[in-house]
Amino acid sequence: MSPVVRKVIEPTSGDWALDLALKVIRLIQPKIRNFGYHCALGGGVLNKGYSTKDLDLYMLPLVGTPDPMALRTYLSTVLGTEYTLGGPAVRTADVDSAYPPEPIWVSGRFTYRDDTGLRTDVFIA
């Protein structure tokens, strides 16, 4: 886990719970506004209150010109190493069978893993 996140949250396992997700969102939300985005929660943590797989965060553009590269750089300092899955604008069944092969609305899907293996999937619109 990055030193920034370690100061704010203390995960007790490899699972994401709603309270942990909210701590992360409250940590990053003020900063990502500087890059023209705000954050929305999705996936299992939103629907069930926890996930044994990952935390799904959606970065939605605010008014103005968003800076996705600055956003990604910042997120990698907070969430861990970035891995690109499916490439910009397209996710294929070959890369991740949970997603359809046709182009979809997100400009990118990125996975971040901290040094404990905690995974965060970020979808940038």
C-alpha atoms as a PDB file:
ATOM      1  CA  MET A   1       0.000   0.000   0.000  1.00  0.00           C
ATOM      2  CA  SER A   2       1.287   3.448  -0.807  1.00  0.00           C
ATOM      3  CA  PRO A   3       2.473   5.560   2.131  1.00  0.00           C
ATOM      4  CA  VAL A   4      -0.248   8.127   1.386  1.00  0.00           C
ATOM      5  CA  VAL A   5      -3.063   5.602   1.693  1.00  0.00           C
ATOM      6  CA  ARG A   6      -1.425   3.819   4.617  1.00  0.00           C
ATOM      7  CA  LYS A   7      -1.706   7.017   6.671  1.00  0.00           C
ATOM      8  CA  VAL A   8      -5.444   7.242   6.057  1.00  0.00           C
ATOM      9  CA  ILE A   9      -6.671   3.649   6.019  1.00  0.00           C
ATOM     10  CA  GLU A  10      -5.778   0.461   7.802  1.00  0.00           C
ATOM     11  CA  PRO A  11      -7.127  -2.518   5.839  1.00  0.00           C
ATOM     12  CA  THR A  12      -7.534  -5.650   7.896  1.00  0.00           C
ATOM     13  CA  SER A  13      -7.650  -8.065   4.965  1.00  0.00           C
ATOM     14  CA  GLY A  14      -7.461  -8.238   1.189  1.00  0.00           C
ATOM     15  CA  ASP A  15     -11.154  -7.373   0.951  1.00  0.00           C
ATOM     16  CA  TRP A  16     -12.710  -4.015   0.181  1.00  0.00           C
ATOM     17  CA  ALA A  17     -15.513  -2.879   2.484  1.00  0.00           C
ATOM     18  CA  LEU A  18     -17.712   0.179   2.116  1.00  0.00           C
ATOM     19  CA  ASP A  19     -16.083   2.050   5.010  1.00  0.00           C
ATOM     20  CA  LEU A  20     -12.606   1.513   3.529  1.00  0.00           C
ATOM     21  CA  ALA A  21     -13.803   2.575   0.064  1.00  0.00           C
ATOM     22  CA  LEU A  22     -15.279   5.783   1.472  1.00  0.00           C
ATOM     23  CA  LYS A  23     -11.985   6.618   3.167  1.00  0.00           C
ATOM     24  CA  VAL A  24     -10.153   6.254  -0.149  1.00  0.00           C
ATOM     25  CA  ILE A  25     -12.767   8.302  -2.035  1.00  0.00           C
ATOM     26  CA  ARG A  26     -12.635  11.065   0.574  1.00  0.00           C
ATOM     27  CA  LEU A  27      -8.852  11.080   0.301  1.00  0.00           C
ATOM     28  CA  ILE A  28      -8.703  11.364  -3.497  1.00  0.00           C
ATOM     29  CA  GLN A  29     -11.831  13.422  -4.263  1.00  0.00           C
ATOM     30  CA  PRO A  30     -10.388  16.868  -3.377  1.00  0.00           C
ATOM     31  CA  LYS A  31      -7.214  16.183  -5.392  1.00  0.00           C
ATOM     32  CA  ILE A  32      -8.782  14.764  -8.541  1.00  0.00           C
ATOM     33  CA  ARG A  33     -10.930  17.874  -8.940  1.00  0.00           C
ATOM     34  CA  ASN A  34      -7.645  19.609  -9.845  1.00  0.00           C
ATOM     35  CA  PHE A  35      -7.466  17.311 -12.884  1.00  0.00           C
ATOM     36  CA  GLY A  36     -11.088  17.960 -13.927  1.00  0.00           C
ATOM     37  CA  TYR A  37     -12.708  14.818 -12.468  1.00  0.00           C
ATOM     38  CA  HIS A  38     -14.891  13.626  -9.658  1.00  0.00           C
ATOM     39  CA  CYS A  39     -15.224  10.089  -8.359  1.00  0.00           C
ATOM     40  CA  ALA A  40     -18.191   7.706  -8.249  1.00  0.00           C
ATOM     41  CA  LEU A  41     -18.349   4.316  -6.550  1.00  0.00           C
ATOM     42  CA  GLY A  42     -19.603   1.222  -8.368  1.00  0.00           C
ATOM     43  CA  GLY A  43     -19.427  -2.567  -8.377  1.00  0.00           C
ATOM     44  CA  GLY A  44     -19.702  -4.992  -5.497  1.00  0.00           C
ATOM     45  CA  VAL A  45     -18.714  -2.519  -2.790  1.00  0.00           C
ATOM     46  CA  LEU A  46     -21.630  -0.280  -3.779  1.00  0.00           C
ATOM     47  CA  ASN A  47     -24.082  -3.128  -4.381  1.00  0.00           C
ATOM     48  CA  LYS A  48     -23.199  -5.454  -1.485  1.00  0.00           C
ATOM     49  CA  GLY A  49     -21.111  -3.302   0.853  1.00  0.00           C
ATOM     50  CA  TYR A  50     -17.935  -5.329   0.187  1.00  0.00           C
ATOM     51  CA  SER A  51     -15.906  -7.071  -2.495  1.00  0.00           C
ATOM     52  CA  THR A  52     -13.371  -9.865  -2.231  1.00  0.00           C
ATOM     53  CA  LYS A  53     -12.072  -8.952  -5.698  1.00  0.00           C
ATOM     54  CA  ASP A  54     -11.611  -5.195  -6.123  1.00  0.00           C
ATOM     55  CA  LEU A  55     -12.889  -1.671  -5.648  1.00  0.00           C
ATOM     56  CA  ASP A  56     -14.527  -0.111  -8.739  1.00  0.00           C
ATOM     57  CA  LEU A  57     -14.148   3.657  -9.056  1.00  0.00           C
ATOM     58  CA  TYR A  58     -15.491   5.761 -11.919  1.00  0.00           C
ATOM     59  CA  MET A  59     -13.804   9.044 -12.791  1.00  0.00           C
ATOM     60  CA  LEU A  60     -16.309  11.378 -14.401  1.00  0.00           C
ATOM     61  CA  PRO A  61     -15.283  14.659 -16.050  1.00  0.00           C
ATOM     62  CA  LEU A  62     -16.292  17.988 -14.568  1.00  0.00           C
ATOM     63  CA  VAL A  63     -16.925  21.102 -16.645  1.00  0.00           C
ATOM     64  CA  GLY A  64     -13.803  22.186 -18.507  1.00  0.00           C
ATOM     65  CA  THR A  65     -10.948  20.191 -19.955  1.00  0.00           C
ATOM     66  CA  PRO A  66     -10.040  17.109 -17.907  1.00  0.00           C
ATOM     67  CA  ASP A  67      -6.446  15.908 -17.742  1.00  0.00           C
ATOM     68  CA  PRO A  68      -6.571  12.084 -17.703  1.00  0.00           C
ATOM     69  CA  MET A  69      -2.784  11.634 -17.714  1.00  0.00           C
ATOM     70  CA  ALA A  70      -2.339  13.833 -14.623  1.00  0.00           C
ATOM     71  CA  LEU A  71      -5.214  11.929 -13.001  1.00  0.00           C
ATOM     72  CA  ARG A  72      -3.552   8.570 -13.704  1.00  0.00           C
ATOM     73  CA  THR A  73      -0.202   9.791 -12.403  1.00  0.00           C
ATOM     74  CA  TYR A  74      -1.800  10.960  -9.173  1.00  0.00           C
ATOM     75  CA  LEU A  75      -3.800   7.749  -8.735  1.00  0.00           C
ATOM     76  CA  SER A  76      -0.668   5.630  -9.101  1.00  0.00           C
ATOM     77  CA  THR A  77       0.933   7.550  -6.205  1.00  0.00           C
ATOM     78  CA  VAL A  78      -2.092   6.827  -4.023  1.00  0.00           C
ATOM     79  CA  LEU A  79      -3.428   3.439  -5.175  1.00  0.00           C
ATOM     80  CA  GLY A  80      -0.264   1.641  -6.288  1.00  0.00           C
ATOM     81  CA  THR A  81       1.177   0.408  -9.553  1.00  0.00           C
ATOM     82  CA  GLU A  82      -1.003   0.963 -12.628  1.00  0.00           C
ATOM     83  CA  TYR A  83      -1.834  -1.846 -15.052  1.00  0.00           C
ATOM     84  CA  THR A  84      -3.705  -1.065 -18.281  1.00  0.00           C
ATOM     85  CA  LEU A  85      -6.320  -3.646 -19.188  1.00  0.00           C
ATOM     86  CA  GLY A  86      -8.047  -3.613 -22.550  1.00  0.00           C
ATOM     87  CA  GLY A  87      -6.508  -0.348 -23.739  1.00  0.00           C
ATOM     88  CA  PRO A  88      -8.219   2.960 -24.358  1.00  0.00           C
ATOM     89  CA  ALA A  89     -11.835   2.872 -25.551  1.00  0.00           C
ATOM     90  CA  VAL A  90     -11.964  -0.935 -25.966  1.00  0.00           C
ATOM     91  CA  ARG A  91     -12.055  -3.886 -23.606  1.00  0.00           C
ATOM     92  CA  THR A  92     -11.943  -7.314 -25.193  1.00  0.00           C
ATOM     93  CA  ALA A  93     -12.970 -10.781 -24.115  1.00  0.00           C
ATOM     94  CA  ASP A  94      -9.371 -11.850 -24.730  1.00  0.00           C
ATOM     95  CA  VAL A  95      -8.105  -9.492 -22.025  1.00  0.00           C
ATOM     96  CA  ASP A  96     -10.915  -9.808 -19.499  1.00  0.00           C
ATOM     97  CA  SER A  97     -13.758 -12.207 -20.240  1.00  0.00           C
ATOM     98  CA  ALA A  98     -16.147 -10.260 -17.982  1.00  0.00           C
ATOM     99  CA  TYR A  99     -16.374  -7.504 -20.605  1.00  0.00           C
ATOM    100  CA  PRO A 100     -17.755  -7.478 -24.160  1.00  0.00           C
ATOM    101  CA  PRO A 101     -15.413  -7.158 -27.171  1.00  0.00           C
ATOM    102  CA  GLU A 102     -17.153  -4.101 -28.669  1.00  0.00           C
ATOM    103  CA  PRO A 103     -16.023  -0.519 -27.890  1.00  0.00           C
ATOM    104  CA  ILE A 104     -17.651   0.991 -24.816  1.00  0.00           C
ATOM    105  CA  TRP A 105     -18.026   4.492 -23.394  1.00  0.00           C
ATOM    106  CA  VAL A 106     -15.019   4.581 -21.072  1.00  0.00           C
ATOM    107  CA  SER A 107     -11.801   6.109 -22.356  1.00  0.00           C
ATOM    108  CA  GLY A 108      -9.809   3.686 -20.283  1.00  0.00           C
ATOM    109  CA  ARG A 109      -9.864   0.981 -17.636  1.00  0.00           C
ATOM    110  CA  PHE A 110      -6.882   0.831 -15.352  1.00  0.00           C
ATOM    111  CA  THR A 111      -6.099  -1.488 -12.484  1.00  0.00           C
ATOM    112  CA  TYR A 112      -3.992  -0.378  -9.549  1.00  0.00           C
ATOM    113  CA  ARG A 113      -2.413  -2.742  -7.029  1.00  0.00           C
ATOM    114  CA  ASP A 114      -0.690  -1.659  -3.866  1.00  0.00           C
ATOM    115  CA  ASP A 115       2.151  -3.575  -2.229  1.00  0.00           C
ATOM    116  CA  THR A 116      -0.326  -5.717  -0.260  1.00  0.00           C
ATOM    117  CA  GLY A 117      -2.145  -6.790  -3.442  1.00  0.00           C
ATOM    118  CA  LEU A 118      -5.245  -4.669  -2.757  1.00  0.00           C
ATOM    119  CA  ARG A 119      -6.789  -4.020  -6.205  1.00  0.00           C
ATOM    120  CA  THR A 120      -8.643  -0.938  -7.429  1.00  0.00           C
ATOM    121  CA  ASP A 121     -10.192  -0.794 -10.912  1.00  0.00           C
ATOM    122  CA  VAL A 122     -10.582   2.736 -12.264  1.00  0.00           C
ATOM    123  CA  PHE A 123     -12.796   3.562 -15.233  1.00  0.00           C
ATOM    124  CA  ILE A 124     -12.080   6.976 -16.758  1.00  0.00           C
ATOM    125  CA  ALA A 125     -14.827   8.575 -18.851  1.00  0.00           C
END
